[in-house]
Amino acid sequence: MQNLLENLGPGIDKGGYEAIPFCVDMPKLFESFIAEWLRTNSPVNLFISPQYVSNLDSNAALSFRIDILLRERETNRVLGILDTKYKAAHMPDEADIQQVGLAA
């Protein structure tokens, strides 16, 4: 933590501070950032629902999780869905395209 406070970056040499290792779930962090950014920067009539679960049958045995659902606040009408991806890729994976197509 001290390294972060002193604005130092990681290196391959042993430094003068001890730190515990930690992992960051970057796809989840990215999705949360996008949802919060939309909440802050969208028009007031837009309702942002992160991790929206859509039940595909009446007893909720089959469901589909949508990363971010966009709804009109007054009418609750669905305006769009967002599938966030945190990847280093030039083109989306075929499975990603199929997932978005299924949600639409």
PDB file of N, CA and C in Angstrom:
ATOM      1  N   MET A   1       0.827  -1.189   0.000  1.00  0.00           N
ATOM      2  CA  MET A   1       0.000   0.000   0.000  1.00  0.00           C
ATOM      3  C   MET A   1       0.871   1.252   0.000  1.00  0.00           C
ATOM      4  N   GLN A   2       1.974   1.175   0.706  1.00  0.00           N
ATOM      5  CA  GLN A   2       2.877   2.319   0.770  1.00  0.00           C
ATOM      6  C   GLN A   2       3.373   2.690  -0.629  1.00  0.00           C
ATOM      7  N   ASN A   3       3.656   1.674  -1.473  1.00  0.00           N
ATOM      8  CA  ASN A   3       4.107   1.948  -2.841  1.00  0.00           C
ATOM      9  C   ASN A   3       3.069   2.744  -3.616  1.00  0.00           C
ATOM     10  N   LEU A   4       1.817   2.388  -3.448  1.00  0.00           N
ATOM     11  CA  LEU A   4       0.759   3.105  -4.151  1.00  0.00           C
ATOM     12  C   LEU A   4       0.680   4.553  -3.682  1.00  0.00           C
ATOM     13  N   LEU A   5       0.825   4.738  -2.381  1.00  0.00           N
ATOM     14  CA  LEU A   5       0.745   6.086  -1.833  1.00  0.00           C
ATOM     15  C   LEU A   5       1.919   6.953  -2.284  1.00  0.00           C
ATOM     16  N   GLU A   6       3.068   6.338  -2.483  1.00  0.00           N
ATOM     17  CA  GLU A   6       4.243   7.089  -2.923  1.00  0.00           C
ATOM     18  C   GLU A   6       4.330   7.172  -4.441  1.00  0.00           C
ATOM     19  N   ASN A   7       3.306   6.675  -5.123  1.00  0.00           N
ATOM     20  CA  ASN A   7       3.233   6.728  -6.581  1.00  0.00           C
ATOM     21  C   ASN A   7       4.390   5.971  -7.231  1.00  0.00           C
ATOM     22  N   LEU A   8       4.763   4.847  -6.644  1.00  0.00           N
ATOM     23  CA  LEU A   8       5.813   4.005  -7.198  1.00  0.00           C
ATOM     24  C   LEU A   8       5.176   2.839  -7.932  1.00  0.00           C
ATOM     25  N   GLY A   9       5.811   2.392  -8.980  1.00  0.00           N
ATOM     26  CA  GLY A   9       5.299   1.260  -9.735  1.00  0.00           C
ATOM     27  C   GLY A   9       5.975  -0.033  -9.340  1.00  0.00           C
ATOM     28  N   PRO A  10       5.422  -1.140  -9.776  1.00  0.00           N
ATOM     29  CA  PRO A  10       6.037  -2.428  -9.470  1.00  0.00           C
ATOM     30  C   PRO A  10       7.323  -2.618 -10.263  1.00  0.00           C
ATOM     31  N   GLY A  11       8.197  -3.412  -9.753  1.00  0.00           N
ATOM     32  CA  GLY A  11       9.450  -3.715 -10.438  1.00  0.00           C
ATOM     33  C   GLY A  11       9.841  -5.156 -10.193  1.00  0.00           C
ATOM     34  N   ILE A  12      10.919  -5.584 -10.816  1.00  0.00           N
ATOM     35  CA  ILE A  12      11.348  -6.968 -10.645  1.00  0.00           C
ATOM     36  C   ILE A  12      12.321  -7.127  -9.486  1.00  0.00           C
ATOM     37  N   ASP A  13      12.827  -6.034  -8.981  1.00  0.00           N
ATOM     38  CA  ASP A  13      13.757  -6.082  -7.858  1.00  0.00           C
ATOM     39  C   ASP A  13      12.997  -6.033  -6.544  1.00  0.00           C
ATOM     40  N   LYS A  14      13.619  -6.617  -5.522  1.00  0.00           N
ATOM     41  CA  LYS A  14      13.024  -6.560  -4.189  1.00  0.00           C
ATOM     42  C   LYS A  14      13.124  -5.132  -3.667  1.00  0.00           C
ATOM     43  N   GLY A  15      12.013  -4.634  -3.174  1.00  0.00           N
ATOM     44  CA  GLY A  15      11.983  -3.277  -2.656  1.00  0.00           C
ATOM     45  C   GLY A  15      12.131  -3.244  -1.154  1.00  0.00           C
ATOM     46  N   GLY A  16      11.957  -2.075  -0.611  1.00  0.00           N
ATOM     47  CA  GLY A  16      12.116  -1.884   0.815  1.00  0.00           C
ATOM     48  C   GLY A  16      10.838  -2.063   1.605  1.00  0.00           C
ATOM     49  N   TYR A  17       9.745  -2.426   0.954  1.00  0.00           N
ATOM     50  CA  TYR A  17       8.464  -2.565   1.633  1.00  0.00           C
ATOM     51  C   TYR A  17       7.939  -3.980   1.487  1.00  0.00           C
ATOM     52  N   GLU A  18       7.204  -4.417   2.483  1.00  0.00           N
ATOM     53  CA  GLU A  18       6.528  -5.704   2.405  1.00  0.00           C
ATOM     54  C   GLU A  18       5.078  -5.455   2.028  1.00  0.00           C
ATOM     55  N   ALA A  19       4.552  -6.336   1.213  1.00  0.00           N
ATOM     56  CA  ALA A  19       3.158  -6.221   0.802  1.00  0.00           C
ATOM     57  C   ALA A  19       2.585  -7.619   0.620  1.00  0.00           C
ATOM     58  N   ILE A  20       1.299  -7.732   0.838  1.00  0.00           N
ATOM     59  CA  ILE A  20       0.649  -9.014   0.590  1.00  0.00           C
ATOM     60  C   ILE A  20       0.148  -9.020  -0.856  1.00  0.00           C
ATOM     61  N   PRO A  21       0.234 -10.153  -1.522  1.00  0.00           N
ATOM     62  CA  PRO A  21      -0.261 -10.214  -2.900  1.00  0.00           C
ATOM     63  C   PRO A  21      -1.786 -10.186  -2.915  1.00  0.00           C
ATOM     64  N   PHE A  22      -2.326  -9.685  -3.981  1.00  0.00           N
ATOM     65  CA  PHE A  22      -3.773  -9.685  -4.138  1.00  0.00           C
ATOM     66  C   PHE A  22      -4.106  -9.780  -5.621  1.00  0.00           C
ATOM     67  N   CYS A  23      -5.287 -10.256  -5.894  1.00  0.00           N
ATOM     68  CA  CYS A  23      -5.770 -10.380  -7.271  1.00  0.00           C
ATOM     69  C   CYS A  23      -6.974  -9.469  -7.449  1.00  0.00           C
ATOM     70  N   VAL A  24      -7.102  -8.927  -8.626  1.00  0.00           N
ATOM     71  CA  VAL A  24      -8.245  -8.085  -8.967  1.00  0.00           C
ATOM     72  C   VAL A  24      -8.984  -8.761 -10.116  1.00  0.00           C
ATOM     73  N   ASP A  25     -10.270  -8.983  -9.931  1.00  0.00           N
ATOM     74  CA  ASP A  25     -11.107  -9.543 -10.994  1.00  0.00           C
ATOM     75  C   ASP A  25     -11.409  -8.409 -11.975  1.00  0.00           C
ATOM     76  N   MET A  26     -10.527  -8.234 -12.955  1.00  0.00           N
ATOM     77  CA  MET A  26     -10.624  -7.089 -13.863  1.00  0.00           C
ATOM     78  C   MET A  26     -11.919  -7.062 -14.676  1.00  0.00           C
ATOM     79  N   PRO A  27     -12.429  -8.188 -15.192  1.00  0.00           N
ATOM     80  CA  PRO A  27     -13.712  -8.110 -15.900  1.00  0.00           C
ATOM     81  C   PRO A  27     -14.836  -7.586 -15.007  1.00  0.00           C
ATOM     82  N   LYS A  28     -14.882  -8.027 -13.739  1.00  0.00           N
ATOM     83  CA  LYS A  28     -15.920  -7.558 -12.815  1.00  0.00           C
ATOM     84  C   LYS A  28     -15.723  -6.079 -12.473  1.00  0.00           C
ATOM     85  N   LEU A  29     -14.478  -5.685 -12.253  1.00  0.00           N
ATOM     86  CA  LEU A  29     -14.176  -4.285 -11.963  1.00  0.00           C
ATOM     87  C   LEU A  29     -14.555  -3.399 -13.147  1.00  0.00           C
ATOM     88  N   PHE A  30     -14.239  -3.840 -14.358  1.00  0.00           N
ATOM     89  CA  PHE A  30     -14.579  -3.087 -15.564  1.00  0.00           C
ATOM     90  C   PHE A  30     -16.093  -2.935 -15.698  1.00  0.00           C
ATOM     91  N   GLU A  31     -16.826  -4.022 -15.482  1.00  0.00           N
ATOM     92  CA  GLU A  31     -18.288  -3.975 -15.561  1.00  0.00           C
ATOM     93  C   GLU A  31     -18.858  -2.999 -14.528  1.00  0.00           C
ATOM     94  N   SER A  32     -18.341  -3.046 -13.307  1.00  0.00           N
ATOM     95  CA  SER A  32     -18.800  -2.127 -12.259  1.00  0.00           C
ATOM     96  C   SER A  32     -18.493  -0.682 -12.617  1.00  0.00           C
ATOM     97  N   PHE A  33     -17.312  -0.452 -13.195  1.00  0.00           N
ATOM     98  CA  PHE A  33     -16.939   0.900 -13.612  1.00  0.00           C
ATOM     99  C   PHE A  33     -17.899   1.413 -14.680  1.00  0.00           C
ATOM    100  N   ILE A  34     -18.195   0.585 -15.683  1.00  0.00           N
ATOM    101  CA  ILE A  34     -19.099   1.002 -16.757  1.00  0.00           C
ATOM    102  C   ILE A  34     -20.481   1.323 -16.195  1.00  0.00           C
ATOM    103  N   ALA A  35     -20.997   0.483 -15.312  1.00  0.00           N
ATOM    104  CA  ALA A  35     -22.318   0.728 -14.720  1.00  0.00           C
ATOM    105  C   ALA A  35     -22.332   2.034 -13.933  1.00  0.00           C
ATOM    106  N   GLU A  36     -21.306   2.275 -13.148  1.00  0.00           N
ATOM    107  CA  GLU A  36     -21.250   3.508 -12.356  1.00  0.00           C
ATOM    108  C   GLU A  36     -21.059   4.730 -13.243  1.00  0.00           C
ATOM    109  N   TRP A  37     -20.247   4.590 -14.287  1.00  0.00           N
ATOM    110  CA  TRP A  37     -20.051   5.707 -15.220  1.00  0.00           C
ATOM    111  C   TRP A  37     -21.372   6.060 -15.891  1.00  0.00           C
ATOM    112  N   LEU A  38     -22.134   5.054 -16.285  1.00  0.00           N
ATOM    113  CA  LEU A  38     -23.436   5.304 -16.908  1.00  0.00           C
ATOM    114  C   LEU A  38     -24.389   5.978 -15.930  1.00  0.00           C
ATOM    115  N   ARG A  39     -24.399   5.534 -14.679  1.00  0.00           N
ATOM    116  CA  ARG A  39     -25.260   6.173 -13.670  1.00  0.00           C
ATOM    117  C   ARG A  39     -24.931   7.657 -13.524  1.00  0.00           C
ATOM    118  N   THR A  40     -23.653   7.965 -13.547  1.00  0.00           N
ATOM    119  CA  THR A  40     -23.203   9.342 -13.341  1.00  0.00           C
ATOM    120  C   THR A  40     -23.427  10.213 -14.570  1.00  0.00           C
ATOM    121  N   ASN A  41     -23.295   9.649 -15.763  1.00  0.00           N
ATOM    122  CA  ASN A  41     -23.276  10.453 -16.982  1.00  0.00           C
ATOM    123  C   ASN A  41     -24.492  10.312 -17.885  1.00  0.00           C
ATOM    124  N   SER A  42     -25.459   9.499 -17.507  1.00  0.00           N
ATOM    125  CA  SER A  42     -26.645   9.299 -18.343  1.00  0.00           C
ATOM    126  C   SER A  42     -27.724  10.308 -17.987  1.00  0.00           C
ATOM    127  N   PRO A  43     -28.669  10.508 -18.896  1.00  0.00           N
ATOM    128  CA  PRO A  43     -29.805  11.377 -18.574  1.00  0.00           C
ATOM    129  C   PRO A  43     -30.572  10.825 -17.369  1.00  0.00           C
ATOM    130  N   VAL A  44     -31.242  11.705 -16.649  1.00  0.00           N
ATOM    131  CA  VAL A  44     -31.927  11.294 -15.417  1.00  0.00           C
ATOM    132  C   VAL A  44     -33.064  10.312 -15.681  1.00  0.00           C
ATOM    133  N   ASN A  45     -33.600  10.290 -16.895  1.00  0.00           N
ATOM    134  CA  ASN A  45     -34.709   9.377 -17.184  1.00  0.00           C
ATOM    135  C   ASN A  45     -34.237   7.963 -17.529  1.00  0.00           C
ATOM    136  N   LEU A  46     -32.932   7.720 -17.487  1.00  0.00           N
ATOM    137  CA  LEU A  46     -32.389   6.399 -17.798  1.00  0.00           C
ATOM    138  C   LEU A  46     -32.052   5.667 -16.502  1.00  0.00           C
ATOM    139  N   PHE A  47     -32.611   4.471 -16.336  1.00  0.00           N
ATOM    140  CA  PHE A  47     -32.356   3.651 -15.154  1.00  0.00           C
ATOM    141  C   PHE A  47     -31.374   2.553 -15.527  1.00  0.00           C
ATOM    142  N   ILE A  48     -30.291   2.430 -14.777  1.00  0.00           N
ATOM    143  CA  ILE A  48     -29.226   1.464 -15.035  1.00  0.00           C
ATOM    144  C   ILE A  48     -29.384   0.295 -14.062  1.00  0.00           C
ATOM    145  N   SER A  49     -29.513  -0.924 -14.585  1.00  0.00           N
ATOM    146  CA  SER A  49     -29.641  -2.121 -13.747  1.00  0.00           C
ATOM    147  C   SER A  49     -28.478  -3.066 -14.029  1.00  0.00           C
ATOM    148  N   PRO A  50     -27.419  -3.026 -13.199  1.00  0.00           N
ATOM    149  CA  PRO A  50     -26.316  -3.969 -13.413  1.00  0.00           C
ATOM    150  C   PRO A  50     -26.688  -5.374 -12.927  1.00  0.00           C
ATOM    151  N   GLN A  51     -26.123  -6.379 -13.575  1.00  0.00           N
ATOM    152  CA  GLN A  51     -26.344  -7.787 -13.225  1.00  0.00           C
ATOM    153  C   GLN A  51     -27.835  -8.108 -13.120  1.00  0.00           C
ATOM    154  N   TYR A  52     -28.567  -7.732 -14.151  1.00  0.00           N
ATOM    155  CA  TYR A  52     -30.010  -7.979 -14.206  1.00  0.00           C
ATOM    156  C   TYR A  52     -30.257  -9.444 -14.564  1.00  0.00           C
ATOM    157  N   VAL A  53     -31.109 -10.108 -13.798  1.00  0.00           N
ATOM    158  CA  VAL A  53     -31.439 -11.508 -14.068  1.00  0.00           C
ATOM    159  C   VAL A  53     -32.814 -11.567 -14.719  1.00  0.00           C
ATOM    160  N   SER A  54     -32.852 -12.124 -15.914  1.00  0.00           N
ATOM    161  CA  SER A  54     -34.101 -12.288 -16.648  1.00  0.00           C
ATOM    162  C   SER A  54     -34.490 -13.760 -16.597  1.00  0.00           C
ATOM    163  N   ASN A  55     -35.632 -14.052 -15.994  1.00  0.00           N
ATOM    164  CA  ASN A  55     -36.113 -15.430 -15.928  1.00  0.00           C
ATOM    165  C   ASN A  55     -36.769 -15.793 -17.249  1.00  0.00           C
ATOM    166  N   LEU A  56     -36.350 -16.906 -17.817  1.00  0.00           N
ATOM    167  CA  LEU A  56     -36.860 -17.325 -19.113  1.00  0.00           C
ATOM    168  C   LEU A  56     -38.056 -18.261 -18.989  1.00  0.00           C
ATOM    169  N   ASP A  57     -38.394 -18.669 -17.776  1.00  0.00           N
ATOM    170  CA  ASP A  57     -39.592 -19.458 -17.549  1.00  0.00           C
ATOM    171  C   ASP A  57     -40.243 -19.007 -16.244  1.00  0.00           C
ATOM    172  N   SER A  58     -41.452 -19.461 -15.992  1.00  0.00           N
ATOM    173  CA  SER A  58     -42.226 -18.945 -14.859  1.00  0.00           C
ATOM    174  C   SER A  58     -41.688 -19.370 -13.496  1.00  0.00           C
ATOM    175  N   ASN A  59     -40.987 -20.489 -13.405  1.00  0.00           N
ATOM    176  CA  ASN A  59     -40.497 -20.926 -12.096  1.00  0.00           C
ATOM    177  C   ASN A  59     -39.028 -20.587 -11.867  1.00  0.00           C
ATOM    178  N   ALA A  60     -38.451 -19.763 -12.695  1.00  0.00           N
ATOM    179  CA  ALA A  60     -37.076 -19.256 -12.566  1.00  0.00           C
ATOM    180  C   ALA A  60     -36.022 -20.362 -12.623  1.00  0.00           C
ATOM    181  N   ALA A  61     -36.377 -21.493 -13.221  1.00  0.00           N
ATOM    182  CA  ALA A  61     -35.397 -22.571 -13.364  1.00  0.00           C
ATOM    183  C   ALA A  61     -34.389 -22.252 -14.464  1.00  0.00           C
ATOM    184  N   LEU A  62     -34.807 -21.457 -15.418  1.00  0.00           N
ATOM    185  CA  LEU A  62     -33.940 -21.070 -16.520  1.00  0.00           C
ATOM    186  C   LEU A  62     -33.865 -19.546 -16.545  1.00  0.00           C
ATOM    187  N   SER A  63     -32.662 -19.028 -16.386  1.00  0.00           N
ATOM    188  CA  SER A  63     -32.511 -17.569 -16.346  1.00  0.00           C
ATOM    189  C   SER A  63     -31.306 -17.142 -17.167  1.00  0.00           C
ATOM    190  N   PHE A  64     -31.250 -15.859 -17.436  1.00  0.00           N
ATOM    191  CA  PHE A  64     -30.184 -15.269 -18.232  1.00  0.00           C
ATOM    192  C   PHE A  64     -29.712 -14.020 -17.504  1.00  0.00           C
ATOM    193  N   ARG A  65     -28.425 -13.928 -17.244  1.00  0.00           N
ATOM    194  CA  ARG A  65     -27.874 -12.773 -16.528  1.00  0.00           C
ATOM    195  C   ARG A  65     -27.357 -11.763 -17.552  1.00  0.00           C
ATOM    196  N   ILE A  66     -27.872 -10.546 -17.468  1.00  0.00           N
ATOM    197  CA  ILE A  66     -27.479  -9.459 -18.363  1.00  0.00           C
ATOM    198  C   ILE A  66     -26.537  -8.540 -17.590  1.00  0.00           C
ATOM    199  N   ASP A  67     -25.398  -8.207 -18.180  1.00  0.00           N
ATOM    200  CA  ASP A  67     -24.420  -7.366 -17.483  1.00  0.00           C
ATOM    201  C   ASP A  67     -25.041  -6.042 -17.059  1.00  0.00           C
ATOM    202  N   ILE A  68     -25.616  -5.318 -18.005  1.00  0.00           N
ATOM    203  CA  ILE A  68     -26.235  -4.023 -17.689  1.00  0.00           C
ATOM    204  C   ILE A  68     -27.496  -3.871 -18.535  1.00  0.00           C
ATOM    205  N   LEU A  69     -28.604  -3.592 -17.878  1.00  0.00           N
ATOM    206  CA  LEU A  69     -29.874  -3.353 -18.552  1.00  0.00           C
ATOM    207  C   LEU A  69     -30.186  -1.864 -18.467  1.00  0.00           C
ATOM    208  N   LEU A  70     -30.570  -1.269 -19.584  1.00  0.00           N
ATOM    209  CA  LEU A  70     -30.933   0.149 -19.636  1.00  0.00           C
ATOM    210  C   LEU A  70     -32.441   0.249 -19.788  1.00  0.00           C
ATOM    211  N   ARG A  71     -33.097   0.979 -18.857  1.00  0.00           N
ATOM    212  CA  ARG A  71     -34.549   1.142 -18.915  1.00  0.00           C
ATOM    213  C   ARG A  71     -34.925   2.607 -18.794  1.00  0.00           C
ATOM    214  N   GLU A  72     -36.061   2.926 -19.368  1.00  0.00           N
ATOM    215  CA  GLU A  72     -36.625   4.260 -19.204  1.00  0.00           C
ATOM    216  C   GLU A  72     -37.267   4.306 -17.820  1.00  0.00           C
ATOM    217  N   ARG A  73     -36.899   5.293 -17.034  1.00  0.00           N
ATOM    218  CA  ARG A  73     -37.322   5.349 -15.633  1.00  0.00           C
ATOM    219  C   ARG A  73     -38.846   5.456 -15.478  1.00  0.00           C
ATOM    220  N   GLU A  74     -39.495   6.267 -16.286  1.00  0.00           N
ATOM    221  CA  GLU A  74     -40.933   6.503 -16.114  1.00  0.00           C
ATOM    222  C   GLU A  74     -41.785   5.313 -16.537  1.00  0.00           C
ATOM    223  N   THR A  75     -41.436   4.690 -17.655  1.00  0.00           N
ATOM    224  CA  THR A  75     -42.266   3.612 -18.199  1.00  0.00           C
ATOM    225  C   THR A  75     -41.715   2.218 -17.914  1.00  0.00           C
ATOM    226  N   ASN A  76     -40.481   2.135 -17.451  1.00  0.00           N
ATOM    227  CA  ASN A  76     -39.796   0.862 -17.208  1.00  0.00           C
ATOM    228  C   ASN A  76     -39.526   0.091 -18.502  1.00  0.00           C
ATOM    229  N   ARG A  77     -39.665   0.768 -19.625  1.00  0.00           N
ATOM    230  CA  ARG A  77     -39.436   0.139 -20.932  1.00  0.00           C
ATOM    231  C   ARG A  77     -37.948  -0.113 -21.131  1.00  0.00           C
ATOM    232  N   VAL A  78     -37.622  -1.317 -21.606  1.00  0.00           N
ATOM    233  CA  VAL A  78     -36.226  -1.663 -21.862  1.00  0.00           C
ATOM    234  C   VAL A  78     -35.749  -0.920 -23.104  1.00  0.00           C
ATOM    235  N   LEU A  79     -34.644  -0.195 -22.948  1.00  0.00           N
ATOM    236  CA  LEU A  79     -34.064   0.563 -24.056  1.00  0.00           C
ATOM    237  C   LEU A  79     -32.857  -0.140 -24.658  1.00  0.00           C
ATOM    238  N   GLY A  80     -32.188  -0.953 -23.860  1.00  0.00           N
ATOM    239  CA  GLY A  80     -31.019  -1.645 -24.388  1.00  0.00           C
ATOM    240  C   GLY A  80     -30.383  -2.532 -23.343  1.00  0.00           C
ATOM    241  N   ILE A  81     -29.506  -3.385 -23.833  1.00  0.00           N
ATOM    242  CA  ILE A  81     -28.716  -4.231 -22.952  1.00  0.00           C
ATOM    243  C   ILE A  81     -27.250  -4.058 -23.318  1.00  0.00           C
ATOM    244  N   LEU A  82     -26.394  -4.171 -22.316  1.00  0.00           N
ATOM    245  CA  LEU A  82     -24.955  -4.059 -22.536  1.00  0.00           C
ATOM    246  C   LEU A  82     -24.281  -5.315 -22.018  1.00  0.00           C
ATOM    247  N   ASP A  83     -23.391  -5.841 -22.814  1.00  0.00           N
ATOM    248  CA  ASP A  83     -22.572  -6.974 -22.410  1.00  0.00           C
ATOM    249  C   ASP A  83     -21.142  -6.469 -22.367  1.00  0.00           C
ATOM    250  N   THR A  84     -20.630  -6.242 -21.169  1.00  0.00           N
ATOM    251  CA  THR A  84     -19.289  -5.670 -21.037  1.00  0.00           C
ATOM    252  C   THR A  84     -18.235  -6.751 -21.200  1.00  0.00           C
ATOM    253  N   LYS A  85     -17.140  -6.387 -21.826  1.00  0.00           N
ATOM    254  CA  LYS A  85     -16.022  -7.314 -22.024  1.00  0.00           C
ATOM    255  C   LYS A  85     -14.729  -6.593 -21.702  1.00  0.00           C
ATOM    256  N   TYR A  86     -13.926  -7.206 -20.866  1.00  0.00           N
ATOM    257  CA  TYR A  86     -12.588  -6.700 -20.576  1.00  0.00           C
ATOM    258  C   TYR A  86     -11.615  -7.696 -21.179  1.00  0.00           C
ATOM    259  N   LYS A  87     -11.183  -7.405 -22.397  1.00  0.00           N
ATOM    260  CA  LYS A  87     -10.313  -8.328 -23.118  1.00  0.00           C
ATOM    261  C   LYS A  87      -9.318  -7.542 -23.952  1.00  0.00           C
ATOM    262  N   ALA A  88      -8.178  -8.139 -24.161  1.00  0.00           N
ATOM    263  CA  ALA A  88      -7.188  -7.580 -25.080  1.00  0.00           C
ATOM    264  C   ALA A  88      -7.337  -8.327 -26.397  1.00  0.00           C
ATOM    265  N   ALA A  89      -8.229  -7.859 -27.233  1.00  0.00           N
ATOM    266  CA  ALA A  89      -8.477  -8.544 -28.504  1.00  0.00           C
ATOM    267  C   ALA A  89      -8.825  -7.527 -29.583  1.00  0.00           C
ATOM    268  N   HIS A  90      -8.458  -7.855 -30.792  1.00  0.00           N
ATOM    269  CA  HIS A  90      -8.799  -6.988 -31.920  1.00  0.00           C
ATOM    270  C   HIS A  90     -10.226  -7.243 -32.392  1.00  0.00           C
ATOM    271  N   MET A  91     -10.665  -8.473 -32.286  1.00  0.00           N
ATOM    272  CA  MET A  91     -12.006  -8.859 -32.711  1.00  0.00           C
ATOM    273  C   MET A  91     -12.675  -9.619 -31.568  1.00  0.00           C
ATOM    274  N   PRO A  92     -13.999  -9.506 -31.440  1.00  0.00           N
ATOM    275  CA  PRO A  92     -14.682 -10.263 -30.383  1.00  0.00           C
ATOM    276  C   PRO A  92     -14.684 -11.757 -30.708  1.00  0.00           C
ATOM    277  N   ASP A  93     -14.749 -12.567 -29.659  1.00  0.00           N
ATOM    278  CA  ASP A  93     -14.872 -14.008 -29.841  1.00  0.00           C
ATOM    279  C   ASP A  93     -16.249 -14.338 -30.400  1.00  0.00           C
ATOM    280  N   GLU A  94     -16.337 -15.433 -31.112  1.00  0.00           N
ATOM    281  CA  GLU A  94     -17.622 -15.868 -31.658  1.00  0.00           C
ATOM    282  C   GLU A  94     -18.636 -16.105 -30.538  1.00  0.00           C
ATOM    283  N   ALA A  95     -18.180 -16.669 -29.423  1.00  0.00           N
ATOM    284  CA  ALA A  95     -19.072 -16.922 -28.283  1.00  0.00           C
ATOM    285  C   ALA A  95     -19.626 -15.617 -27.710  1.00  0.00           C
ATOM    286  N   ASP A  96     -18.817 -14.557 -27.714  1.00  0.00           N
ATOM    287  CA  ASP A  96     -19.285 -13.256 -27.221  1.00  0.00           C
ATOM    288  C   ASP A  96     -20.393 -12.714 -28.117  1.00  0.00           C
ATOM    289  N   ILE A  97     -20.225 -12.848 -29.414  1.00  0.00           N
ATOM    290  CA  ILE A  97     -21.244 -12.375 -30.363  1.00  0.00           C
ATOM    291  C   ILE A  97     -22.527 -13.181 -30.192  1.00  0.00           C
ATOM    292  N   GLN A  98     -22.403 -14.488 -30.018  1.00  0.00           N
ATOM    293  CA  GLN A  98     -23.580 -15.330 -29.815  1.00  0.00           C
ATOM    294  C   GLN A  98     -24.298 -14.958 -28.521  1.00  0.00           C
ATOM    295  N   GLN A  99     -23.552 -14.634 -27.478  1.00  0.00           N
ATOM    296  CA  GLN A  99     -24.154 -14.256 -26.201  1.00  0.00           C
ATOM    297  C   GLN A  99     -24.974 -12.980 -26.349  1.00  0.00           C
ATOM    298  N   VAL A 100     -24.442 -12.000 -27.043  1.00  0.00           N
ATOM    299  CA  VAL A 100     -25.167 -10.748 -27.255  1.00  0.00           C
ATOM    300  C   VAL A 100     -26.402 -10.994 -28.113  1.00  0.00           C
ATOM    301  N   GLY A 101     -26.263 -11.821 -29.137  1.00  0.00           N
ATOM    302  CA  GLY A 101     -27.405 -12.143 -29.997  1.00  0.00           C
ATOM    303  C   GLY A 101     -28.515 -12.837 -29.237  1.00  0.00           C
ATOM    304  N   LEU A 102     -28.169 -13.729 -28.330  1.00  0.00           N
ATOM    305  CA  LEU A 102     -29.162 -14.426 -27.521  1.00  0.00           C
ATOM    306  C   LEU A 102     -29.900 -13.449 -26.610  1.00  0.00           C
ATOM    307  N   ALA A 103     -29.166 -12.527 -26.016  1.00  0.00           N
ATOM    308  CA  ALA A 103     -29.787 -11.561 -25.103  1.00  0.00           C
ATOM    309  C   ALA A 103     -30.727 -10.618 -25.835  1.00  0.00           C
ATOM    310  N   ALA A 104     -30.397 -10.282 -27.059  1.00  0.00           N
ATOM    311  CA  ALA A 104     -31.239  -9.368 -27.839  1.00  0.00           C
ATOM    312  C   ALA A 104     -32.556 -10.029 -28.156  1.00  0.00           C
TER     313      ALA A 104
END
